[in-house]
Amino acid sequence: MDSRSQIRALVLFRIAFLVMMMGSTAVLWFFYQENPAAQVIELCLAGLGFSFVSGILSRLLNKRWLPIVIWAQVLWDLGAAAYLMHGMNAVMSISLALFFIQIVFASVVIGSRGAVVSSLISAALVTYLAVDGQHLNDILNTKALPPLIFVQSCILFLGGCLAYFARNRERMRRSLDQTESALKDLSSLHAAIINYSPSGILSIDREGRVILMNRMAETILGQNLIGKSLAVGPFAELFNRADRSESRMEIRGESRSIGHQRVELPDMQGWLVIFQDVTDMREMESRMKVNDKLASVGQLAAGIAHEIRNPLASLSGSVQMLRAEMPQESASEKLMQIVLRETDRLDGLLKNFLMYAKPSELRLEAVSLRKHCLEMIEVIQNRVGKKVKYQLDIAERLECRCDPLQLSQILWNLILNAAQASPEGGEVKISARELNPFDGARIRFEVSDRGLGIPESVRGKIFDPFFTTKPEGTGLGLPLVFQMVKAHGGEIGVESEEGRGSLFWFELYRDGPKTEGRMISSSAA
């Protein structure tokens, strides 16, 4: 018990005893007309008052003062017993039982110290009351000495025995508290392991009923199965197959792949079923197989494209030589122009395809972004004319460590697309600014126009290879941009609204991409 509980127990015991004493006095007076002794009335009233004060103090006082109140209770009760014995003028009277009762109660409430202290004080009080006012010779010669020694022996023996038992009880209580604490910790650890396990766990009794189910099991299966039989129903495969297996199950109206294994518990206590939802893993494996096949096809296509470029170059050169020998404005010369134009277009398509199929390794340099963008704008103006205005919002000192050739190709595609999408007299805005997210400083580029925008139906396909809405487009410009941005460890996205234009943005690490898993060679700026 804590200190407040000990005081409460002592107070309640005293009140109960005093109430019984007052009740007995009232019975004697009512039935036998025996007037109660003044000491009894005084003792009862004083005891009730002291109990009332002790109860209030136990609530008001700080915890560190409560032991003093506890010992005050013990001393008060011993003093009350001595006062009652003194009032009876008889040491060997029924009042001796009060000392024995108080020793027992002190050992129960306080423990071994309470038994020892109360027994020693009781023995001292009984001795004092026995020899009060007598000479030593009278005490040694009186016939009351043997009973006194016997009573003292009984008091001390009782106190010693109770102290011994109380000490053992205290040791057992400490041991029990430690065991209980260890069991609580073990239970908490067991519950944490079961509930936070990444696998579903079911405990099944011999009849096939589920008696335990962790959170992941309920998440995977979509319902609580505790108390239900697992031998039949949609999840019977979990119970019926003991070896490590994989089964398709209907869960929440969707077919899922569940990998499971049943393990028998010792002493015929039942079974344990451990399972996982491996649907995503199987889909990933399937995609990886498809990607491997596509990679093989891509390598083959890249090889074929490379081989096509050689005879195409020979064809283009031969046509140019034949064209030089033909008269101007002839029908054959016009046909030669068509052949050369389409040959150049096919060569450009093959060049972009090879760049997409076999991206070159990064050569990192510190690039002045404003200067780089100005060069791109000048090149694009020479190609599409000056029908579009360009607004540049990039600080003079802003730099980014990246591959300048790939950055040029990224900006070329995005700015050219924006210029071609802009109406006559429109404006293309190019901006770059530094961001400071937690994972490292980044540069955010934005290229926006006020053209027709991108329809929502095709917005999710613009980065797919060979998808284009332009009559003469190859469908490899934006996929190349996407691939180059990803090669730098960056992110790319688009915001568009039909009739109000588009904004393409991409972010690159200011100090260069991370090198893990990426071929990078560094050259001086």
Protein backbone atom coordinates (compact mmCIF):
# COMPACT_ATOMS: atom_id res chain seq x y z
CA MET A 1 0.00 0.00 0.00
CA ASP A 2 1.07 3.59 -0.55
CA SER A 3 1.23 6.05 2.35
CA ARG A 4 -2.27 7.46 1.90
CA SER A 5 -3.76 3.96 1.76
CA GLN A 6 -1.91 3.01 4.97
CA ILE A 7 -3.32 6.04 6.80
CA ARG A 8 -6.80 5.25 5.49
CA ALA A 9 -6.54 1.64 6.72
CA LEU A 10 -5.39 2.72 10.20
CA VAL A 11 -8.13 5.34 10.47
CA LEU A 12 -10.86 2.93 9.37
CA PHE A 13 -9.63 0.25 11.81
CA ARG A 14 -9.64 2.71 14.69
CA ILE A 15 -13.10 4.04 13.85
CA ALA A 16 -14.49 0.51 13.58
CA PHE A 17 -12.96 -0.44 16.94
CA LEU A 18 -14.22 2.68 18.68
CA VAL A 19 -17.71 2.22 17.22
CA MET A 20 -17.77 -1.37 18.53
CA MET A 21 -16.56 -0.19 21.95
CA MET A 22 -19.25 2.50 22.11
CA GLY A 23 -21.85 -0.01 20.99
CA SER A 24 -20.81 -2.47 23.72
CA THR A 25 -20.92 0.31 26.36
CA ALA A 26 -24.41 1.29 25.21
CA VAL A 27 -25.63 -2.33 25.46
CA LEU A 28 -24.23 -2.70 28.99
CA TRP A 29 -25.84 0.55 30.08
CA PHE A 30 -29.20 -0.19 28.41
CA PHE A 31 -29.64 -3.79 29.49
CA TYR A 32 -27.62 -3.99 32.70
CA GLN A 33 -27.73 -0.37 33.90
CA GLU A 34 -23.95 -0.27 34.21
CA ASN A 35 -22.68 3.27 33.90
CA PRO A 36 -19.84 3.55 31.37
CA ALA A 37 -16.40 4.47 32.65
CA ALA A 38 -15.32 8.04 32.04
CA GLN A 39 -12.05 6.85 30.50
CA VAL A 40 -13.98 4.86 27.87
CA ILE A 41 -16.09 7.86 26.84
CA GLU A 42 -13.03 10.13 26.74
CA LEU A 43 -11.05 7.54 24.74
CA CYS A 44 -13.83 7.07 22.18
CA LEU A 45 -14.35 10.79 21.63
CA ALA A 46 -10.62 11.56 21.44
CA GLY A 47 -10.07 8.61 19.07
CA LEU A 48 -12.82 9.75 16.72
CA GLY A 49 -11.44 13.29 16.73
CA PHE A 50 -7.91 12.09 16.05
CA SER A 51 -9.16 9.88 13.21
CA PHE A 52 -10.98 12.82 11.65
CA VAL A 53 -7.85 15.03 11.84
CA SER A 54 -5.65 12.24 10.45
CA GLY A 55 -7.96 11.70 7.49
CA ILE A 56 -7.85 15.41 6.62
CA LEU A 57 -4.05 15.57 6.99
CA SER A 58 -3.61 12.55 4.69
CA ARG A 59 -5.33 14.51 1.92
CA LEU A 60 -3.69 17.89 2.51
CA LEU A 61 -0.08 17.08 3.38
CA ASN A 62 2.70 16.54 0.87
CA LYS A 63 3.69 12.93 0.27
CA ARG A 64 6.98 13.24 2.15
CA TRP A 65 5.14 14.11 5.41
CA LEU A 66 2.77 11.15 5.27
CA PRO A 67 5.14 8.63 7.00
CA ILE A 68 5.09 10.89 10.09
CA VAL A 69 1.28 10.76 10.11
CA ILE A 70 1.41 6.93 9.80
CA TRP A 71 3.68 6.51 12.82
CA ALA A 72 1.58 9.02 14.73
CA GLN A 73 -1.38 6.66 14.17
CA VAL A 74 0.54 3.70 15.61
CA LEU A 75 1.79 5.67 18.61
CA TRP A 76 -1.71 7.05 19.27
CA ASP A 77 -3.29 3.57 19.30
CA LEU A 78 -0.59 2.19 21.62
CA GLY A 79 -1.00 5.17 23.91
CA ALA A 80 -4.81 4.70 23.88
CA ALA A 81 -4.37 1.03 24.87
CA ALA A 82 -2.03 2.05 27.72
CA TYR A 83 -4.47 4.74 28.86
CA LEU A 84 -7.31 2.21 28.95
CA MET A 85 -5.19 -0.31 30.88
CA HIS A 86 -4.12 2.35 33.36
CA GLY A 87 -7.75 3.35 33.92
CA MET A 88 -8.67 -0.25 34.76
CA ASN A 89 -5.85 -0.47 37.35
CA ALA A 90 -5.11 -3.99 36.14
CA VAL A 91 -2.16 -4.87 33.98
CA MET A 92 -3.28 -8.46 33.43
CA SER A 93 -6.66 -7.48 32.03
CA ILE A 94 -8.55 -7.79 28.80
CA SER A 95 -6.95 -4.54 27.65
CA LEU A 96 -3.75 -6.51 26.94
CA ALA A 97 -5.49 -7.78 23.79
CA LEU A 98 -5.38 -4.24 22.42
CA PHE A 99 -1.59 -4.36 22.31
CA PHE A 100 -1.60 -7.70 20.49
CA ILE A 101 -4.19 -6.45 18.02
CA GLN A 102 -2.23 -3.27 17.38
CA ILE A 103 1.02 -5.21 16.79
CA VAL A 104 -0.75 -7.43 14.24
CA PHE A 105 -2.36 -4.51 12.47
CA ALA A 106 0.90 -2.49 12.40
CA SER A 107 2.71 -5.45 10.79
CA VAL A 108 -0.03 -5.80 8.19
CA VAL A 109 -0.22 -2.11 7.31
CA ILE A 110 3.38 -0.93 7.75
CA GLY A 111 5.36 -4.16 7.50
CA SER A 112 8.28 -5.58 9.46
CA ARG A 113 9.29 -2.22 10.94
CA GLY A 114 5.77 -1.66 12.20
CA ALA A 115 5.77 -5.09 13.93
CA VAL A 116 9.16 -4.54 15.61
CA VAL A 117 8.54 -0.96 16.75
CA SER A 118 4.98 -1.60 18.00
CA SER A 119 6.04 -4.75 19.90
CA LEU A 120 8.94 -2.95 21.61
CA ILE A 121 6.74 0.03 22.56
CA SER A 122 3.99 -2.33 23.80
CA ALA A 123 6.45 -4.24 25.98
CA ALA A 124 7.80 -0.99 27.40
CA LEU A 125 4.32 0.36 28.15
CA VAL A 126 3.16 -2.87 29.82
CA THR A 127 6.33 -2.93 31.97
CA TYR A 128 5.88 0.70 32.92
CA LEU A 129 2.26 0.17 33.93
CA ALA A 130 3.19 -2.93 35.96
CA VAL A 131 5.97 -1.27 38.00
CA ASP A 132 4.40 2.17 38.27
CA GLY A 133 4.77 3.35 41.91
CA GLN A 134 6.34 0.09 43.21
CA HIS A 135 9.78 -0.54 44.67
CA LEU A 136 12.21 -2.94 43.06
CA ASN A 137 12.05 -5.46 45.98
CA ASP A 138 8.27 -5.47 45.80
CA ILE A 139 8.43 -6.14 42.07
CA LEU A 140 10.91 -9.02 42.42
CA ASN A 141 8.97 -10.67 45.26
CA THR A 142 5.50 -10.25 43.84
CA LYS A 143 3.59 -13.13 42.33
CA ALA A 144 2.75 -10.93 39.35
CA LEU A 145 6.34 -11.10 38.00
CA PRO A 146 6.04 -14.47 36.19
CA PRO A 147 2.83 -13.44 34.39
CA LEU A 148 4.48 -10.15 33.47
CA ILE A 149 7.52 -11.96 32.04
CA PHE A 150 5.18 -14.31 30.17
CA VAL A 151 3.20 -11.39 28.71
CA GLN A 152 6.39 -9.57 27.72
CA SER A 153 7.71 -12.74 26.07
CA CYS A 154 4.47 -13.19 24.19
CA ILE A 155 4.51 -9.58 22.98
CA LEU A 156 8.12 -9.75 21.81
CA PHE A 157 7.67 -13.22 20.28
CA LEU A 158 4.58 -12.05 18.42
CA GLY A 159 6.40 -8.96 17.19
CA GLY A 160 9.40 -11.03 16.05
CA CYS A 161 7.26 -13.60 14.24
CA LEU A 162 5.18 -10.93 12.53
CA ALA A 163 8.34 -9.02 11.58
CA TYR A 164 9.78 -12.18 10.04
CA PHE A 165 6.61 -12.93 8.10
CA ALA A 166 6.26 -9.30 7.06
CA ARG A 167 9.86 -9.22 5.81
CA ASN A 168 9.25 -12.38 3.75
CA ARG A 169 6.02 -10.87 2.49
CA GLU A 170 7.87 -7.72 1.45
CA ARG A 171 10.49 -9.76 -0.37
CA MET A 172 7.80 -11.78 -2.09
CA ARG A 173 5.98 -8.58 -3.00
CA ARG A 174 9.13 -7.05 -4.52
CA SER A 175 9.80 -10.27 -6.40
CA LEU A 176 6.18 -10.35 -7.54
CA ASP A 177 6.36 -6.71 -8.62
CA GLN A 178 9.52 -7.41 -10.61
CA THR A 179 7.95 -10.48 -12.18
CA GLU A 180 4.77 -8.58 -12.96
CA SER A 181 6.78 -5.72 -14.49
CA ALA A 182 8.80 -8.18 -16.58
CA LEU A 183 5.59 -9.90 -17.70
CA LYS A 184 4.05 -6.55 -18.65
CA ASP A 185 7.16 -5.64 -20.64
CA LEU A 186 7.18 -9.05 -22.28
CA SER A 187 3.47 -8.79 -22.99
CA SER A 188 3.93 -5.31 -24.49
CA LEU A 189 6.83 -6.54 -26.60
CA HIS A 190 4.81 -9.56 -27.71
CA ALA A 191 1.84 -7.37 -28.59
CA ALA A 192 4.07 -4.91 -30.47
CA ILE A 193 5.72 -7.72 -32.45
CA ILE A 194 2.38 -9.27 -33.32
CA ASN A 195 0.49 -6.06 -34.10
CA TYR A 196 3.25 -4.25 -35.99
CA SER A 197 4.56 -7.25 -37.91
CA PRO A 198 4.62 -6.59 -41.68
CA SER A 199 3.08 -10.04 -42.16
CA GLY A 200 -0.43 -11.18 -41.36
CA ILE A 201 -0.57 -13.61 -38.40
CA LEU A 202 -3.44 -15.91 -37.47
CA SER A 203 -3.55 -18.28 -34.48
CA ILE A 204 -5.96 -21.19 -35.04
CA ASP A 205 -7.17 -23.78 -32.53
CA ARG A 206 -7.60 -27.50 -33.19
CA GLU A 207 -11.13 -26.98 -34.52
CA GLY A 208 -9.95 -24.45 -37.09
CA ARG A 209 -11.33 -21.35 -35.34
CA VAL A 210 -9.31 -18.14 -35.34
CA ILE A 211 -8.35 -17.13 -31.79
CA LEU A 212 -5.82 -14.39 -32.57
CA MET A 213 -5.44 -12.01 -35.49
CA ASN A 214 -3.00 -9.12 -35.80
CA ARG A 215 -3.63 -5.76 -37.47
CA MET A 216 -1.84 -6.61 -40.70
CA ALA A 217 -3.92 -9.78 -41.07
CA GLU A 218 -7.12 -7.74 -40.79
CA THR A 219 -5.72 -5.17 -43.24
CA ILE A 220 -4.78 -7.81 -45.82
CA LEU A 221 -7.96 -9.90 -45.53
CA GLY A 222 -10.27 -6.92 -45.11
CA GLN A 223 -12.24 -8.32 -42.17
CA ASN A 224 -11.98 -9.61 -38.60
CA LEU A 225 -12.04 -13.41 -38.45
CA ILE A 226 -11.68 -13.95 -34.68
CA GLY A 227 -14.09 -16.69 -33.57
CA LYS A 228 -14.79 -17.79 -37.15
CA SER A 229 -13.77 -21.09 -38.72
CA LEU A 230 -10.97 -20.87 -41.25
CA ALA A 231 -11.46 -24.44 -42.51
CA VAL A 232 -14.23 -23.31 -44.88
CA GLY A 233 -14.91 -20.08 -46.72
CA PRO A 234 -12.96 -17.79 -49.03
CA PHE A 235 -9.75 -18.10 -46.99
CA ALA A 236 -9.76 -21.88 -46.55
CA GLU A 237 -6.49 -22.17 -48.50
CA LEU A 238 -4.70 -20.50 -45.58
CA PHE A 239 -5.71 -23.41 -43.34
CA ASN A 240 -5.81 -26.36 -45.70
CA ARG A 241 -2.28 -26.07 -47.13
CA ALA A 242 0.62 -26.58 -44.71
CA ASP A 243 3.51 -26.01 -47.13
CA ARG A 244 4.65 -22.60 -48.26
CA SER A 245 2.17 -21.68 -50.98
CA GLU A 246 0.68 -18.83 -52.96
CA SER A 247 -3.04 -18.56 -53.65
CA ARG A 248 -5.36 -16.18 -55.45
CA MET A 249 -8.14 -14.91 -53.18
CA GLU A 250 -11.09 -12.60 -53.66
CA ILE A 251 -10.64 -9.70 -51.20
CA ARG A 252 -12.83 -6.58 -51.27
CA GLY A 253 -14.05 -7.56 -54.71
CA GLU A 254 -10.50 -7.77 -56.08
CA SER A 255 -8.36 -10.82 -56.85
CA ARG A 256 -5.16 -10.74 -54.78
CA SER A 257 -2.10 -13.00 -54.58
CA ILE A 258 -1.48 -14.19 -51.00
CA GLY A 259 1.71 -16.03 -50.03
CA HIS A 260 1.11 -18.14 -46.91
CA GLN A 261 2.48 -20.91 -44.70
CA ARG A 262 0.92 -22.91 -41.85
CA VAL A 263 3.06 -23.90 -38.84
CA GLU A 264 1.94 -26.35 -36.14
CA LEU A 265 2.33 -25.12 -32.56
CA PRO A 266 3.89 -27.39 -29.90
CA ASP A 267 1.83 -29.54 -27.51
CA MET A 268 -1.06 -29.72 -29.97
CA GLN A 269 -2.13 -26.15 -29.22
CA GLY A 270 -3.19 -25.45 -32.80
CA TRP A 271 -1.59 -23.76 -35.78
CA LEU A 272 -0.02 -20.46 -36.72
CA VAL A 273 -0.63 -19.06 -40.20
CA ILE A 274 1.76 -16.40 -41.53
CA PHE A 275 0.92 -14.71 -44.83
CA GLN A 276 1.63 -11.64 -46.97
CA ASP A 277 -0.05 -9.86 -49.84
CA VAL A 278 2.39 -10.34 -52.73
CA THR A 279 0.17 -8.92 -55.48
CA ASP A 280 2.27 -5.78 -55.97
CA MET A 281 5.47 -7.84 -55.94
CA ARG A 282 4.14 -10.19 -58.62
CA GLU A 283 3.00 -7.25 -60.74
CA MET A 284 6.43 -5.67 -60.34
CA GLU A 285 8.10 -8.92 -61.41
CA SER A 286 5.81 -9.03 -64.43
CA ARG A 287 6.67 -5.45 -65.35
CA MET A 288 10.37 -6.17 -64.93
CA LYS A 289 10.09 -9.14 -67.31
CA VAL A 290 8.29 -6.93 -69.84
CA ASN A 291 10.90 -4.21 -69.37
CA ASP A 292 13.68 -6.72 -69.92
CA LYS A 293 12.04 -7.80 -73.16
CA LEU A 294 11.51 -4.19 -74.20
CA ALA A 295 15.13 -3.40 -73.36
CA SER A 296 16.26 -6.23 -75.62
CA VAL A 297 13.96 -5.00 -78.38
CA GLY A 298 15.23 -1.44 -77.81
CA GLN A 299 18.84 -2.54 -78.14
CA LEU A 300 17.99 -4.37 -81.33
CA ALA A 301 16.08 -1.34 -82.67
CA ALA A 302 18.96 0.96 -81.75
CA GLY A 303 21.37 -1.27 -83.64
CA ILE A 304 19.11 -1.33 -86.68
CA ALA A 305 18.66 2.46 -86.54
CA HIS A 306 22.42 2.93 -86.37
CA GLU A 307 22.90 0.69 -89.38
CA ILE A 308 20.17 2.53 -91.32
CA ARG A 309 21.92 5.88 -90.85
CA ASN A 310 25.00 4.76 -92.81
CA PRO A 311 23.21 3.87 -96.09
CA LEU A 312 20.93 6.87 -95.53
CA ALA A 313 23.97 9.15 -95.49
CA SER A 314 25.23 7.53 -98.67
CA LEU A 315 21.80 7.95 -100.25
CA SER A 316 21.66 11.61 -99.27
CA GLY A 317 25.13 12.30 -100.67
CA SER A 318 24.35 10.55 -103.95
CA VAL A 319 21.10 12.49 -104.36
CA GLN A 320 22.91 15.77 -103.74
CA MET A 321 25.46 14.92 -106.45
CA LEU A 322 22.70 14.02 -108.92
CA ARG A 323 20.83 17.20 -108.05
CA ALA A 324 23.89 19.32 -108.85
CA GLU A 325 23.94 17.95 -112.43
CA MET A 326 20.25 18.64 -113.07
CA PRO A 327 18.87 21.88 -114.50
CA GLN A 328 17.22 24.30 -112.08
CA GLU A 329 13.44 24.25 -111.67
CA SER A 330 13.12 20.94 -113.46
CA ALA A 331 10.67 18.28 -112.32
CA SER A 332 13.53 15.92 -111.41
CA GLU A 333 15.23 18.65 -109.35
CA LYS A 334 12.02 19.18 -107.36
CA LEU A 335 11.78 15.44 -106.74
CA MET A 336 15.41 15.49 -105.54
CA GLN A 337 14.50 18.29 -103.06
CA ILE A 338 11.69 16.17 -101.67
CA VAL A 339 14.04 13.19 -101.32
CA LEU A 340 16.67 15.29 -99.54
CA ARG A 341 14.09 16.88 -97.19
CA GLU A 342 12.62 13.54 -96.24
CA THR A 343 16.10 12.05 -95.90
CA ASP A 344 17.07 14.81 -93.45
CA ARG A 345 13.82 14.26 -91.56
CA LEU A 346 14.46 10.53 -91.35
CA ASP A 347 18.02 11.16 -90.21
CA GLY A 348 16.78 13.49 -87.47
CA LEU A 349 14.27 10.89 -86.35
CA LEU A 350 16.97 8.21 -86.17
CA LYS A 351 19.29 10.59 -84.32
CA ASN A 352 16.65 11.33 -81.66
CA PHE A 353 15.77 7.66 -81.40
CA LEU A 354 19.40 6.72 -80.80
CA MET A 355 19.73 9.42 -78.16
CA TYR A 356 16.61 8.08 -76.43
CA ALA A 357 17.66 4.42 -76.69
CA LYS A 358 21.30 4.99 -75.66
CA PRO A 359 21.58 8.13 -73.51
CA SER A 360 25.09 9.49 -73.24
CA GLU A 361 26.87 9.77 -69.92
CA LEU A 362 26.75 13.07 -68.06
CA ARG A 363 29.65 15.52 -68.29
CA LEU A 364 29.13 17.94 -65.45
CA GLU A 365 30.17 21.58 -65.55
CA ALA A 366 29.19 24.74 -63.71
CA VAL A 367 26.81 26.45 -66.16
CA SER A 368 25.78 30.12 -66.05
CA LEU A 369 22.04 29.74 -66.54
CA ARG A 370 21.22 33.23 -67.78
CA LYS A 371 23.94 33.14 -70.42
CA HIS A 372 22.94 29.64 -71.48
CA CYS A 373 19.27 30.56 -71.87
CA LEU A 374 20.14 33.69 -73.89
CA GLU A 375 22.08 31.55 -76.34
CA MET A 376 19.13 29.16 -76.69
CA ILE A 377 16.73 32.05 -77.30
CA GLU A 378 18.98 33.47 -80.02
CA VAL A 379 19.19 30.11 -81.80
CA ILE A 380 15.42 29.60 -81.65
CA GLN A 381 14.76 33.15 -82.91
CA ASN A 382 16.88 32.43 -85.96
CA ARG A 383 14.78 29.33 -86.63
CA VAL A 384 11.19 30.46 -85.97
CA GLY A 385 11.63 34.19 -86.60
CA LYS A 386 10.83 37.10 -84.29
CA LYS A 387 7.09 36.72 -84.13
CA VAL A 388 7.32 35.79 -80.42
CA LYS A 389 8.72 37.85 -77.55
CA TYR A 390 10.90 36.23 -74.89
CA GLN A 391 10.98 37.30 -71.26
CA LEU A 392 13.96 36.04 -69.24
CA ASP A 393 13.85 36.05 -65.44
CA ILE A 394 17.17 34.55 -64.27
CA ALA A 395 19.72 36.14 -61.94
CA GLU A 396 23.15 36.90 -63.40
CA ARG A 397 25.08 34.79 -60.88
CA LEU A 398 22.77 31.82 -60.79
CA GLU A 399 24.69 28.66 -61.71
CA CYS A 400 23.92 24.96 -61.84
CA ARG A 401 26.31 22.03 -62.09
CA CYS A 402 24.95 19.90 -64.94
CA ASP A 403 25.69 18.60 -68.43
CA PRO A 404 25.59 21.74 -70.65
CA LEU A 405 24.78 19.81 -73.84
CA GLN A 406 21.85 18.02 -72.25
CA LEU A 407 20.67 21.25 -70.61
CA SER A 408 20.75 22.87 -74.06
CA GLN A 409 18.65 20.05 -75.52
CA ILE A 410 16.16 20.32 -72.62
CA LEU A 411 15.80 24.10 -73.02
CA TRP A 412 15.76 23.84 -76.83
CA ASN A 413 12.80 21.45 -76.82
CA LEU A 414 10.80 23.31 -74.15
CA ILE A 415 11.40 26.83 -75.50
CA LEU A 416 10.83 25.75 -79.11
CA ASN A 417 7.54 24.04 -78.18
CA ALA A 418 6.44 27.15 -76.27
CA ALA A 419 7.36 29.42 -79.22
CA GLN A 420 5.53 27.22 -81.71
CA ALA A 421 2.46 27.09 -79.44
CA SER A 422 2.39 30.89 -78.96
CA PRO A 423 0.24 33.02 -81.27
CA GLU A 424 1.64 35.84 -83.40
CA GLY A 425 2.97 38.51 -81.04
CA GLY A 426 2.76 36.17 -78.08
CA GLU A 427 5.24 35.88 -75.23
CA VAL A 428 7.33 33.03 -73.86
CA LYS A 429 8.60 33.41 -70.31
CA ILE A 430 11.72 31.57 -69.12
CA SER A 431 12.62 31.74 -65.43
CA ALA A 432 14.91 29.97 -62.98
CA ARG A 433 15.25 30.35 -59.23
CA GLU A 434 16.93 28.54 -56.38
CA LEU A 435 14.92 26.38 -53.99
CA ASN A 436 16.07 25.14 -50.58
CA PRO A 437 14.26 21.93 -49.72
CA PHE A 438 15.52 19.65 -46.96
CA ASP A 439 17.16 17.21 -49.38
CA GLY A 440 19.53 19.78 -50.93
CA ALA A 441 19.38 23.04 -52.88
CA ARG A 442 17.64 22.79 -56.26
CA ILE A 443 17.18 25.04 -59.27
CA ARG A 444 13.64 25.28 -60.60
CA PHE A 445 13.24 26.14 -64.28
CA GLU A 446 9.92 27.27 -65.77
CA VAL A 447 9.02 27.78 -69.43
CA SER A 448 5.52 29.15 -70.04
CA ASP A 449 3.46 30.32 -73.00
CA ARG A 450 -0.01 31.73 -73.60
CA GLY A 451 -0.97 29.40 -76.40
CA LEU A 452 -3.85 26.98 -76.81
CA GLY A 453 -2.75 24.72 -73.96
CA ILE A 454 -2.73 20.94 -73.82
CA PRO A 455 -6.04 19.04 -73.80
CA GLU A 456 -6.60 17.06 -70.62
CA SER A 457 -7.18 13.89 -72.65
CA VAL A 458 -3.58 13.84 -73.92
CA ARG A 459 -1.82 15.55 -71.01
CA GLY A 460 -0.79 12.26 -69.44
CA LYS A 461 0.77 10.97 -72.68
CA ILE A 462 3.06 13.85 -73.69
CA PHE A 463 6.16 12.18 -72.20
CA ASP A 464 5.43 8.83 -73.90
CA PRO A 465 7.80 7.92 -76.77
CA PHE A 466 6.45 8.54 -80.28
CA PHE A 467 3.34 10.34 -79.06
CA THR A 468 2.86 13.66 -80.84
CA THR A 469 0.08 16.02 -81.91
CA LYS A 470 2.20 17.79 -84.56
CA PRO A 471 1.81 16.65 -88.17
CA GLU A 472 5.57 16.51 -88.68
CA GLY A 473 6.60 15.70 -85.12
CA THR A 474 8.64 12.63 -84.16
CA GLY A 475 7.21 12.21 -80.66
CA LEU A 476 10.69 11.99 -79.12
CA GLY A 477 11.32 15.60 -78.03
CA LEU A 478 9.56 15.58 -74.65
CA PRO A 479 10.52 11.94 -73.88
CA LEU A 480 14.16 12.98 -74.40
CA VAL A 481 13.63 15.95 -72.07
CA PHE A 482 12.06 13.66 -69.46
CA GLN A 483 14.94 11.18 -69.74
CA MET A 484 17.64 13.86 -69.43
CA VAL A 485 16.01 15.49 -66.42
CA LYS A 486 15.76 12.09 -64.72
CA ALA A 487 19.41 11.36 -65.58
CA HIS A 488 20.29 14.47 -63.56
CA GLY A 489 18.22 13.20 -60.62
CA GLY A 490 15.61 15.90 -61.17
CA GLU A 491 11.85 16.16 -61.54
CA ILE A 492 9.72 17.46 -64.39
CA GLY A 493 6.07 18.34 -64.75
CA VAL A 494 3.53 20.37 -66.70
CA GLU A 495 0.61 22.64 -65.80
CA SER A 496 -1.77 23.49 -68.59
CA GLU A 497 -5.23 24.85 -69.18
CA GLU A 498 -6.92 24.78 -72.56
CA GLY A 499 -7.12 28.21 -74.10
CA ARG A 500 -4.77 29.81 -71.54
CA GLY A 501 -1.39 28.25 -72.27
CA SER A 502 1.04 25.81 -70.63
CA LEU A 503 3.85 25.89 -68.09
CA PHE A 504 6.59 23.26 -68.17
CA TRP A 505 8.83 23.08 -65.12
CA PHE A 506 11.81 20.97 -64.13
CA GLU A 507 14.14 20.95 -61.15
CA LEU A 508 17.84 20.04 -61.04
CA TYR A 509 20.23 19.79 -58.10
CA ARG A 510 22.28 22.97 -57.90
CA ASP A 511 25.51 21.09 -57.09
CA GLY A 512 24.94 18.22 -59.50
CA PRO A 513 23.06 14.93 -59.28
CA LYS A 514 23.86 12.10 -56.94
CA THR A 515 26.29 9.63 -58.49
CA GLU A 516 24.68 6.38 -57.31
CA GLY A 517 23.71 4.17 -60.22
CA ARG A 518 24.42 6.88 -62.86
CA MET A 519 27.33 7.22 -65.29
CA ILE A 520 28.87 10.66 -64.72
CA SER A 521 32.17 12.11 -65.82
CA SER A 522 33.24 15.49 -64.48
CA SER A 523 35.17 18.11 -66.42
CA ALA A 524 36.41 21.52 -65.43
CA ALA A 525 34.05 24.39 -65.81
